[in-house]
N, C-alpha and C. Protein backbone atom coordinates (compact mmCIF):
# COMPACT_ATOMS: atom_id res chain seq x y z
N ALA A 1 72.25 -54.41 48.67
CA ALA A 1 72.20 -53.25 48.40
C ALA A 1 71.36 -52.60 47.38
N VAL A 2 70.89 -50.93 47.79
CA VAL A 2 69.47 -51.04 46.72
C VAL A 2 69.98 -49.83 45.77
N ASP A 3 69.73 -49.28 45.01
CA ASP A 3 69.95 -48.14 44.03
C ASP A 3 68.53 -47.61 43.49
N SER A 4 68.53 -45.84 43.27
CA SER A 4 67.24 -45.92 42.71
C SER A 4 67.47 -44.70 41.91
N ILE A 5 67.42 -44.74 40.53
CA ILE A 5 67.31 -43.47 39.03
C ILE A 5 66.29 -43.01 38.80
N GLN A 6 66.09 -41.12 39.12
CA GLN A 6 64.82 -40.80 38.21
C GLN A 6 65.40 -40.56 37.00
N THR A 7 64.82 -40.87 36.04
CA THR A 7 65.12 -40.60 34.60
C THR A 7 63.64 -39.67 33.99
N ARG A 8 64.18 -38.68 32.98
CA ARG A 8 63.13 -37.75 32.63
C ARG A 8 63.00 -38.10 30.96
N PRO A 9 61.95 -38.47 30.23
CA PRO A 9 61.65 -38.70 29.21
C PRO A 9 62.68 -37.54 28.44
N PRO A 10 63.36 -37.82 27.13
CA PRO A 10 63.73 -36.43 25.81
C PRO A 10 62.52 -36.10 25.79
N ALA A 11 62.99 -34.51 25.52
CA ALA A 11 62.06 -33.08 25.46
C ALA A 11 61.82 -33.07 24.12
N GLY A 12 60.73 -32.36 23.32
CA GLY A 12 60.97 -32.25 21.91
C GLY A 12 61.69 -30.72 21.64
N THR A 13 62.74 -30.63 20.27
CA THR A 13 63.27 -29.79 20.36
C THR A 13 62.64 -28.94 19.05
N ILE A 14 63.23 -28.04 18.81
CA ILE A 14 62.98 -26.73 17.04
C ILE A 14 64.17 -26.17 17.03
N TYR A 15 64.73 -26.16 15.78
CA TYR A 15 65.15 -24.88 15.76
C TYR A 15 65.30 -24.49 14.33
N PHE A 16 65.16 -23.05 14.25
CA PHE A 16 64.86 -22.92 12.90
C PHE A 16 66.02 -21.62 12.41
N PRO A 17 67.14 -21.86 11.38
CA PRO A 17 68.29 -21.09 10.53
C PRO A 17 67.83 -19.75 10.72
N ASN A 18 68.68 -19.24 9.85
CA ASN A 18 68.83 -18.03 9.89
C ASN A 18 68.72 -17.37 8.58
N SER A 19 69.30 -18.20 7.88
CA SER A 19 69.77 -18.04 6.15
C SER A 19 69.49 -19.32 5.12
N PHE A 20 69.28 -19.13 4.22
CA PHE A 20 69.17 -20.26 3.13
C PHE A 20 69.44 -19.73 1.84
N THR A 21 70.38 -20.70 1.13
CA THR A 21 70.58 -19.99 -0.38
C THR A 21 70.60 -21.31 -1.24
N PRO A 22 68.96 -20.73 -1.57
CA PRO A 22 68.18 -22.06 -2.80
C PRO A 22 68.78 -22.12 -4.30
N ASP A 23 70.22 -22.44 -4.70
CA ASP A 23 70.77 -22.67 -5.22
C ASP A 23 71.45 -23.23 -6.04
N GLY A 24 70.70 -24.31 -5.56
CA GLY A 24 70.82 -25.98 -6.04
C GLY A 24 72.31 -26.90 -5.78
N ASP A 25 73.03 -26.23 -5.06
CA ASP A 25 74.71 -27.34 -4.99
C ASP A 25 74.17 -27.56 -4.05
N GLY A 26 73.20 -28.50 -3.66
CA GLY A 26 72.51 -29.30 -2.08
C GLY A 26 73.06 -28.96 -1.11
N ILE A 27 73.66 -27.92 -0.40
CA ILE A 27 74.57 -27.42 0.49
C ILE A 27 73.33 -26.10 1.42
N ASN A 28 72.40 -26.73 1.85
CA ASN A 28 71.58 -24.74 2.15
C ASN A 28 70.75 -24.57 1.48
N ASP A 29 69.94 -25.55 0.61
CA ASP A 29 69.01 -25.06 -0.80
C ASP A 29 67.96 -24.67 0.00
N THR A 30 67.76 -25.39 1.34
CA THR A 30 66.21 -25.26 1.60
C THR A 30 66.10 -24.50 3.46
N PHE A 31 64.54 -24.24 3.82
CA PHE A 31 64.19 -23.49 5.03
C PHE A 31 63.06 -24.22 5.25
N GLY A 32 63.05 -24.75 7.06
CA GLY A 32 62.13 -25.05 7.29
C GLY A 32 62.57 -25.47 9.04
N GLY A 33 61.81 -25.75 9.58
CA GLY A 33 62.37 -26.50 10.95
C GLY A 33 63.22 -27.69 11.21
N GLU A 34 64.21 -27.61 12.21
CA GLU A 34 64.77 -28.63 12.63
C GLU A 34 64.34 -28.96 13.76
N GLY A 35 64.61 -30.41 14.01
CA GLY A 35 63.80 -30.89 15.27
C GLY A 35 63.65 -32.03 16.12
N LEU A 36 63.58 -32.19 16.86
CA LEU A 36 63.46 -34.07 17.03
C LEU A 36 62.05 -33.99 18.00
N LEU A 37 61.33 -35.57 18.36
CA LEU A 37 60.12 -35.14 18.65
C LEU A 37 58.89 -34.64 18.20
N ILE A 38 59.09 -33.97 17.81
CA ILE A 38 57.48 -33.37 17.31
C ILE A 38 56.41 -33.80 16.46
N SER A 39 55.30 -33.34 17.66
CA SER A 39 53.93 -34.30 16.78
C SER A 39 53.34 -33.21 16.13
N THR A 40 53.43 -31.65 16.56
CA THR A 40 53.02 -30.82 15.36
C THR A 40 53.37 -29.76 14.89
N TYR A 41 53.45 -29.72 13.75
CA TYR A 41 54.38 -29.04 12.98
C TYR A 41 53.65 -27.60 11.81
N GLU A 42 53.59 -26.60 12.16
CA GLU A 42 52.94 -25.37 10.90
C GLU A 42 54.07 -24.29 11.05
N LEU A 43 53.94 -23.89 9.54
CA LEU A 43 54.60 -22.89 9.30
C LEU A 43 54.18 -22.34 8.17
N TRP A 44 54.13 -20.72 8.19
CA TRP A 44 54.26 -20.02 6.82
C TRP A 44 55.40 -18.89 7.27
N VAL A 45 55.22 -18.56 5.78
CA VAL A 45 56.49 -17.45 5.49
C VAL A 45 55.90 -16.55 5.02
N PHE A 46 56.07 -15.24 5.20
CA PHE A 46 55.17 -14.23 4.39
C PHE A 46 56.79 -13.13 3.94
N ASN A 47 55.95 -12.62 2.20
CA ASN A 47 56.85 -11.56 2.04
C ASN A 47 56.32 -9.90 2.60
N ARG A 48 57.36 -9.40 2.64
CA ARG A 48 57.54 -7.95 2.83
C ARG A 48 56.16 -7.03 3.80
N TRP A 49 54.72 -7.66 2.54
CA TRP A 49 53.38 -6.88 2.32
C TRP A 49 52.96 -7.89 3.16
N GLY A 50 53.33 -9.39 4.07
CA GLY A 50 52.64 -9.98 4.84
C GLY A 50 52.08 -11.14 3.94
N GLN A 51 52.14 -11.26 2.69
CA GLN A 51 51.53 -12.31 2.06
C GLN A 51 52.38 -13.69 2.11
N VAL A 52 51.34 -14.81 2.19
CA VAL A 52 51.88 -15.71 2.57
C VAL A 52 52.76 -16.64 1.33
N VAL A 53 53.81 -16.98 1.36
CA VAL A 53 54.62 -17.05 -0.03
C VAL A 53 55.11 -19.04 0.53
N PHE A 54 54.66 -19.77 1.45
CA PHE A 54 55.29 -20.62 1.56
C PHE A 54 54.51 -20.87 2.74
N GLU A 55 53.49 -22.72 2.78
CA GLU A 55 53.29 -22.73 4.23
C GLU A 55 53.30 -24.46 4.16
N SER A 56 53.45 -25.17 5.13
CA SER A 56 53.63 -26.48 5.92
C SER A 56 53.12 -27.17 7.07
N ASN A 57 52.98 -28.20 6.73
CA ASN A 57 52.07 -28.60 7.69
C ASN A 57 52.90 -29.92 8.21
N ASP A 58 53.94 -30.05 7.48
CA ASP A 58 55.48 -31.41 7.77
C ASP A 58 56.60 -30.61 7.73
N MET A 59 57.17 -31.60 8.67
CA MET A 59 58.88 -30.73 8.94
C MET A 59 59.66 -31.39 7.82
N ALA A 60 59.24 -32.36 6.54
CA ALA A 60 59.96 -32.44 5.74
C ALA A 60 59.78 -31.88 4.44
N ASN A 61 58.36 -31.12 4.36
CA ASN A 61 58.04 -30.15 3.61
C ASN A 61 58.64 -28.91 3.72
N ARG A 62 59.80 -28.66 2.81
CA ARG A 62 60.76 -27.46 3.09
C ARG A 62 60.67 -26.33 2.16
N TRP A 63 60.73 -24.91 2.45
CA TRP A 63 60.61 -23.94 1.29
C TRP A 63 61.91 -23.45 0.74
N ASN A 64 61.54 -23.92 -0.48
CA ASN A 64 62.67 -23.99 -1.86
C ASN A 64 63.48 -22.57 -2.59
N GLY A 65 62.66 -21.46 -1.80
CA GLY A 65 62.73 -19.82 -1.98
C GLY A 65 61.89 -19.24 -3.25
N ARG A 66 61.01 -20.61 -3.24
CA ARG A 66 59.69 -20.39 -4.39
C ARG A 66 58.76 -19.43 -4.22
N THR A 67 57.35 -19.52 -4.96
CA THR A 67 55.97 -19.06 -4.13
C THR A 67 55.56 -20.22 -4.72
N PRO A 68 54.06 -20.70 -4.35
CA PRO A 68 53.10 -21.87 -4.74
C PRO A 68 53.56 -22.33 -6.58
N ASP A 69 52.71 -20.72 -7.44
CA ASP A 69 53.07 -20.54 -8.84
C ASP A 69 54.91 -21.23 -9.11
N GLY A 70 55.47 -21.41 -7.89
CA GLY A 70 56.90 -22.22 -8.45
C GLY A 70 58.16 -21.28 -8.94
N GLU A 71 57.38 -19.50 -8.75
CA GLU A 71 58.71 -18.61 -9.15
C GLU A 71 59.64 -18.00 -8.10
N GLU A 72 60.80 -17.99 -8.46
CA GLU A 72 61.47 -17.66 -7.60
C GLU A 72 61.43 -16.30 -7.23
N VAL A 73 61.80 -16.28 -5.79
CA VAL A 73 61.29 -14.96 -4.53
C VAL A 73 62.17 -14.34 -5.07
N PRO A 74 62.32 -12.77 -4.69
CA PRO A 74 63.43 -12.17 -4.47
C PRO A 74 64.81 -12.32 -3.26
N GLN A 75 65.61 -11.97 -3.58
CA GLN A 75 67.05 -12.02 -2.02
C GLN A 75 66.68 -10.76 -0.83
N GLY A 76 66.17 -11.69 0.14
CA GLY A 76 65.91 -10.53 0.80
C GLY A 76 65.06 -11.41 2.27
N ILE A 77 64.73 -10.54 2.97
CA ILE A 77 64.28 -10.98 4.24
C ILE A 77 63.24 -11.31 4.42
N TYR A 78 62.93 -12.67 5.01
CA TYR A 78 60.91 -12.78 4.68
C TYR A 78 61.22 -13.26 6.26
N GLN A 79 59.76 -12.78 6.92
CA GLN A 79 59.17 -13.28 8.01
C GLN A 79 58.88 -14.92 7.93
N TYR A 80 58.56 -15.43 9.19
CA TYR A 80 57.93 -16.62 9.92
C TYR A 80 57.36 -16.27 10.56
N LYS A 81 55.97 -17.60 10.82
CA LYS A 81 55.22 -18.01 12.18
C LYS A 81 55.36 -19.66 12.16
N TYR A 82 55.34 -20.14 12.93
CA TYR A 82 54.97 -20.84 13.73
C TYR A 82 54.84 -21.72 14.64
N ILE A 83 53.86 -22.54 14.77
CA ILE A 83 53.87 -23.41 15.50
C ILE A 83 53.72 -25.10 15.66
N VAL A 84 54.73 -25.85 16.78
CA VAL A 84 55.03 -26.69 17.36
C VAL A 84 54.44 -27.27 18.58
N GLU A 85 54.52 -28.41 18.98
CA GLU A 85 54.36 -29.23 19.79
C GLU A 85 55.11 -30.85 19.81
N GLY A 86 55.23 -31.26 20.68
CA GLY A 86 56.46 -32.10 20.81
C GLY A 86 56.01 -32.64 22.23
N LEU A 87 57.15 -33.93 22.63
CA LEU A 87 57.11 -35.06 23.62
C LEU A 87 58.02 -34.22 24.64
N SER A 88 56.65 -33.87 25.45
CA SER A 88 57.18 -32.95 27.09
C SER A 88 57.50 -31.94 26.69
N MET A 89 57.09 -31.05 25.50
CA MET A 89 56.84 -29.46 25.02
C MET A 89 55.67 -29.27 25.03
N PRO A 90 54.97 -28.45 25.68
CA PRO A 90 53.69 -27.82 25.21
C PRO A 90 53.45 -26.89 23.90
N LYS A 91 52.37 -26.94 23.36
CA LYS A 91 52.14 -26.08 22.32
C LYS A 91 52.72 -24.73 22.00
N ARG A 92 53.47 -24.27 21.62
CA ARG A 92 53.76 -23.06 21.47
C ARG A 92 53.83 -22.28 20.08
N MET A 93 53.87 -21.04 20.00
CA MET A 93 53.97 -20.76 18.70
C MET A 93 55.19 -19.38 18.66
N GLY A 94 55.68 -18.67 17.72
CA GLY A 94 56.67 -17.64 17.41
C GLY A 94 56.92 -17.28 16.38
N PHE A 95 57.77 -16.50 15.88
CA PHE A 95 57.79 -15.81 15.06
C PHE A 95 59.56 -15.39 15.03
N GLY A 96 59.45 -15.35 13.44
CA GLY A 96 61.17 -14.74 13.32
C GLY A 96 61.58 -14.30 12.20
N HIS A 97 63.11 -14.70 11.46
CA HIS A 97 62.90 -14.15 10.02
C HIS A 97 64.19 -14.99 9.06
N ILE A 98 64.12 -15.23 8.29
CA ILE A 98 64.89 -16.27 7.17
C ILE A 98 65.10 -14.85 6.25
N THR A 99 66.77 -14.74 6.20
CA THR A 99 67.19 -14.05 5.11
C THR A 99 67.58 -15.18 4.05
N LEU A 100 67.62 -14.86 2.72
CA LEU A 100 67.68 -15.65 1.09
C LEU A 100 68.20 -14.98 0.78
N LEU A 101 69.38 -15.68 0.81
CA LEU A 101 70.67 -15.03 -0.13
C LEU A 101 71.03 -15.84 -2.01
N ARG A 102 70.79 -15.13 -2.94
CA ARG A 102 70.77 -16.15 -4.05
C ARG A 102 72.17 -15.13 -4.65
């Protein structure tokens, strides 16, 4: 007897949480994409006036709730934009918002 099976390689996935608490307790202290099999990753976080408060090209480099100068940003809602590409996942751009809770 002969049998065959067609397999499909896994596809890249990306997920962005909707809130984080940078309070130093080691739980949910940073914000960034969570994903698998991602080859290209770009993330920008904006304040309410459209100024970039964080940007990253590496999923391991996550936002800690501070400006590039090291100052804490106020609690609130921040917008983000991302561009990702991965295995069996074409390049895509998306937008969202993140709630920073202190």
